[in-house]
Amino acid sequence: MEVLRIDQYLRHEAYGLGVVTSSNVDRTTIDFETHGVKKFITSIMVCELLPGQAPNRPKPSRSPTRKAPRTALPKPVVRDN
C-alpha cells in the first residue's frame, strides 16, 4: 500500500468503512465509523479504496451535564450532658 490522501474513503475487512486522517511512508491513521481511530503500518496495510468522498458524519453532541441541586445538610445535634 502507498501513502494515502487525507479524507480518502476506504473499507477495511475487519473494521469496515473509514476515512484517512493522516498518512505517511511509515504510518496511516484511519477513523472508522464504528471502531474509532486505528493506526496501521502503511507498507503492510490491506484495504479497499472507495470512489468518491466519505459522507459527512455528524459530530457527537455534547449536552451539558446536569448536577443534582445542592441541599442543605441537617445540623448536627449537640447534646449537653
N, C-alpha and C. Protein backbone atom coordinates (compact mmCIF):
# COMPACT_ATOMS: atom_id res chain seq x y z
N MET A 1 0.87 -1.18 0.00
CA MET A 1 0.00 0.00 0.00
C MET A 1 0.90 1.23 0.00
N GLU A 2 0.43 2.27 -0.61
CA GLU A 2 1.18 3.53 -0.69
C GLU A 2 0.57 4.57 0.23
N VAL A 3 1.23 5.71 0.32
CA VAL A 3 0.72 6.81 1.13
C VAL A 3 -0.63 7.24 0.56
N LEU A 4 -1.62 7.38 1.43
CA LEU A 4 -2.97 7.74 1.00
C LEU A 4 -3.22 9.22 1.24
N ARG A 5 -4.16 9.75 0.50
CA ARG A 5 -4.52 11.17 0.69
C ARG A 5 -5.47 11.30 1.88
N ILE A 6 -5.38 12.41 2.56
CA ILE A 6 -6.27 12.68 3.68
C ILE A 6 -7.70 12.76 3.15
N ASP A 7 -8.65 12.25 3.90
CA ASP A 7 -10.07 12.17 3.55
C ASP A 7 -10.38 11.09 2.53
N GLN A 8 -9.41 10.23 2.21
CA GLN A 8 -9.68 9.08 1.33
C GLN A 8 -10.66 8.15 2.03
N TYR A 9 -11.67 7.74 1.33
CA TYR A 9 -12.70 6.85 1.86
C TYR A 9 -12.27 5.42 1.54
N LEU A 10 -12.39 4.50 2.49
CA LEU A 10 -11.95 3.14 2.26
C LEU A 10 -12.74 2.15 3.10
N ARG A 11 -12.54 0.87 2.78
CA ARG A 11 -13.17 -0.22 3.53
C ARG A 11 -12.07 -1.17 3.99
N HIS A 12 -12.08 -1.49 5.27
CA HIS A 12 -11.14 -2.47 5.83
C HIS A 12 -11.92 -3.73 6.16
N GLU A 13 -11.32 -4.88 5.96
CA GLU A 13 -12.03 -6.14 6.16
C GLU A 13 -12.54 -6.31 7.60
N ALA A 14 -11.75 -5.92 8.58
CA ALA A 14 -12.15 -6.12 9.98
C ALA A 14 -12.89 -4.93 10.57
N TYR A 15 -12.56 -3.70 10.17
CA TYR A 15 -13.10 -2.51 10.81
C TYR A 15 -14.19 -1.79 10.02
N GLY A 16 -14.39 -2.16 8.77
CA GLY A 16 -15.46 -1.55 7.98
C GLY A 16 -15.05 -0.27 7.30
N LEU A 17 -15.99 0.66 7.18
CA LEU A 17 -15.77 1.91 6.46
C LEU A 17 -15.01 2.91 7.32
N GLY A 18 -14.10 3.64 6.65
CA GLY A 18 -13.32 4.62 7.39
C GLY A 18 -12.80 5.72 6.49
N VAL A 19 -12.19 6.72 7.12
CA VAL A 19 -11.64 7.88 6.42
C VAL A 19 -10.21 8.09 6.90
N VAL A 20 -9.28 8.29 5.97
CA VAL A 20 -7.88 8.52 6.31
C VAL A 20 -7.76 9.90 6.95
N THR A 21 -7.14 9.94 8.13
CA THR A 21 -6.91 11.22 8.80
C THR A 21 -5.47 11.68 8.67
N SER A 22 -4.53 10.73 8.49
CA SER A 22 -3.14 11.08 8.20
C SER A 22 -2.47 9.86 7.59
N SER A 23 -1.46 10.10 6.75
CA SER A 23 -0.76 9.00 6.10
C SER A 23 0.62 9.47 5.69
N ASN A 24 1.64 8.65 5.99
CA ASN A 24 2.99 8.88 5.50
C ASN A 24 3.60 7.54 5.17
N VAL A 25 4.88 7.49 4.84
CA VAL A 25 5.53 6.25 4.43
C VAL A 25 5.48 5.20 5.53
N ASP A 26 5.51 5.63 6.79
CA ASP A 26 5.55 4.68 7.90
C ASP A 26 4.17 4.29 8.43
N ARG A 27 3.31 5.26 8.69
CA ARG A 27 2.04 5.00 9.37
C ARG A 27 0.87 5.67 8.65
N THR A 28 -0.29 5.02 8.76
CA THR A 28 -1.54 5.58 8.25
C THR A 28 -2.57 5.50 9.37
N THR A 29 -3.25 6.61 9.62
CA THR A 29 -4.28 6.67 10.66
C THR A 29 -5.63 6.80 9.98
N ILE A 30 -6.56 5.93 10.42
CA ILE A 30 -7.89 5.89 9.82
C ILE A 30 -8.94 6.00 10.92
N ASP A 31 -9.95 6.83 10.68
CA ASP A 31 -11.07 6.98 11.61
C ASP A 31 -12.23 6.15 11.06
N PHE A 32 -12.53 5.04 11.74
CA PHE A 32 -13.60 4.15 11.30
C PHE A 32 -14.93 4.55 11.93
N GLU A 33 -16.01 4.32 11.19
CA GLU A 33 -17.35 4.71 11.64
C GLU A 33 -17.75 4.04 12.95
N THR A 34 -17.46 2.76 13.09
CA THR A 34 -17.92 2.04 14.27
C THR A 34 -16.81 1.61 15.22
N HIS A 35 -15.55 1.75 14.82
CA HIS A 35 -14.45 1.29 15.65
C HIS A 35 -13.50 2.40 16.09
N GLY A 36 -13.76 3.62 15.69
CA GLY A 36 -12.91 4.74 16.10
C GLY A 36 -11.60 4.80 15.31
N VAL A 37 -10.61 5.46 15.89
CA VAL A 37 -9.34 5.72 15.21
C VAL A 37 -8.40 4.53 15.40
N LYS A 38 -7.80 4.09 14.29
CA LYS A 38 -6.83 2.99 14.30
C LYS A 38 -5.61 3.41 13.50
N LYS A 39 -4.42 2.94 13.93
CA LYS A 39 -3.17 3.22 13.21
C LYS A 39 -2.65 1.94 12.59
N PHE A 40 -2.13 2.06 11.37
CA PHE A 40 -1.61 0.93 10.62
C PHE A 40 -0.21 1.22 10.10
N ILE A 41 0.56 0.15 9.87
CA ILE A 41 1.82 0.29 9.17
C ILE A 41 1.48 0.37 7.69
N THR A 42 1.84 1.48 7.07
CA THR A 42 1.40 1.77 5.70
C THR A 42 1.79 0.67 4.72
N SER A 43 3.01 0.17 4.82
CA SER A 43 3.51 -0.78 3.82
C SER A 43 2.79 -2.14 3.84
N ILE A 44 2.17 -2.52 4.97
CA ILE A 44 1.51 -3.83 5.03
C ILE A 44 -0.01 -3.72 5.21
N MET A 45 -0.54 -2.51 5.20
CA MET A 45 -1.98 -2.31 5.38
C MET A 45 -2.74 -2.83 4.15
N VAL A 46 -3.85 -3.52 4.40
CA VAL A 46 -4.68 -4.04 3.31
C VAL A 46 -6.08 -3.45 3.47
N CYS A 47 -6.52 -2.73 2.43
CA CYS A 47 -7.86 -2.14 2.45
C CYS A 47 -8.31 -1.89 1.02
N GLU A 48 -9.59 -1.63 0.88
CA GLU A 48 -10.17 -1.35 -0.44
C GLU A 48 -10.47 0.15 -0.51
N LEU A 49 -9.85 0.83 -1.47
CA LEU A 49 -10.12 2.25 -1.65
C LEU A 49 -11.46 2.40 -2.34
N LEU A 50 -12.28 3.31 -1.83
CA LEU A 50 -13.61 3.52 -2.39
C LEU A 50 -13.65 4.82 -3.18
N PRO A 51 -14.42 4.86 -4.26
CA PRO A 51 -14.51 6.10 -5.05
C PRO A 51 -15.32 7.15 -4.30
N GLY A 52 -15.08 8.38 -4.68
CA GLY A 52 -15.84 9.47 -4.10
C GLY A 52 -15.31 9.89 -2.75
N GLN A 53 -16.08 10.73 -2.13
CA GLN A 53 -15.69 11.28 -0.83
C GLN A 53 -16.54 10.65 0.26
N ALA A 54 -15.97 10.55 1.42
CA ALA A 54 -16.68 9.98 2.56
C ALA A 54 -17.86 10.86 2.94
N PRO A 55 -18.97 10.26 3.33
CA PRO A 55 -20.11 11.07 3.77
C PRO A 55 -19.77 11.80 5.06
N ASN A 56 -20.34 12.97 5.22
CA ASN A 56 -20.12 13.74 6.44
C ASN A 56 -20.84 13.06 7.59
N ARG A 57 -20.12 12.86 8.66
CA ARG A 57 -20.72 12.28 9.86
C ARG A 57 -21.04 13.42 10.82
N PRO A 58 -22.19 13.38 11.42
CA PRO A 58 -22.49 14.43 12.39
C PRO A 58 -21.58 14.29 13.60
N LYS A 59 -21.14 15.43 14.11
CA LYS A 59 -20.31 15.41 15.30
C LYS A 59 -21.18 15.07 16.49
N PRO A 60 -20.64 14.28 17.40
CA PRO A 60 -21.46 13.94 18.58
C PRO A 60 -21.79 15.19 19.38
N SER A 61 -23.04 15.28 19.77
CA SER A 61 -23.44 16.46 20.54
C SER A 61 -23.06 16.26 21.99
N ARG A 62 -22.58 17.29 22.58
CA ARG A 62 -22.20 17.22 23.98
C ARG A 62 -23.17 18.09 24.76
N SER A 63 -24.12 17.45 25.36
CA SER A 63 -25.08 18.20 26.15
C SER A 63 -24.47 18.46 27.53
N PRO A 64 -24.76 19.60 28.10
CA PRO A 64 -24.19 19.89 29.41
C PRO A 64 -24.69 18.89 30.44
N THR A 65 -23.80 18.51 31.31
CA THR A 65 -24.20 17.56 32.34
C THR A 65 -25.01 18.29 33.40
N ARG A 66 -25.99 17.61 33.91
CA ARG A 66 -26.85 18.21 34.92
C ARG A 66 -26.41 17.71 36.28
N LYS A 67 -26.25 18.64 37.18
CA LYS A 67 -25.85 18.29 38.53
C LYS A 67 -27.07 18.31 39.43
N ALA A 68 -27.03 17.48 40.42
CA ALA A 68 -28.13 17.45 41.38
C ALA A 68 -28.10 18.76 42.18
N PRO A 69 -29.27 19.27 42.53
CA PRO A 69 -29.29 20.52 43.30
C PRO A 69 -28.66 20.28 44.67
N ARG A 70 -27.99 21.32 45.12
CA ARG A 70 -27.37 21.24 46.44
C ARG A 70 -28.43 21.38 47.52
N THR A 71 -28.40 20.51 48.45
CA THR A 71 -29.35 20.60 49.56
C THR A 71 -28.58 20.87 50.84
N ALA A 72 -29.22 21.54 51.73
CA ALA A 72 -28.57 21.85 53.00
C ALA A 72 -28.50 20.58 53.84
N LEU A 73 -27.36 20.39 54.45
CA LEU A 73 -27.20 19.23 55.32
C LEU A 73 -27.87 19.53 56.66
N PRO A 74 -28.44 18.52 57.29
CA PRO A 74 -29.07 18.77 58.58
C PRO A 74 -27.99 19.16 59.61
N LYS A 75 -28.37 20.06 60.49
CA LYS A 75 -27.43 20.50 61.51
C LYS A 75 -27.22 19.36 62.51
N PRO A 76 -25.97 19.20 62.96
CA PRO A 76 -25.72 18.13 63.92
C PRO A 76 -26.39 18.43 65.26
N VAL A 77 -26.83 17.41 65.89
CA VAL A 77 -27.48 17.54 67.20
C VAL A 77 -26.40 17.54 68.26
N VAL A 78 -26.37 18.59 69.07
CA VAL A 78 -25.38 18.67 70.15
C VAL A 78 -26.13 18.48 71.45
N ARG A 79 -25.70 17.51 72.22
CA ARG A 79 -26.36 17.24 73.50
C ARG A 79 -25.43 17.64 74.64
N ASP A 80 -25.96 18.34 75.58
CA ASP A 80 -25.20 18.69 76.78
C ASP A 80 -25.43 17.61 77.83
N ASN A 81 -24.43 17.13 78.40
CA ASN A 81 -24.57 16.11 79.45
C ASN A 81 -24.46 16.73 80.82
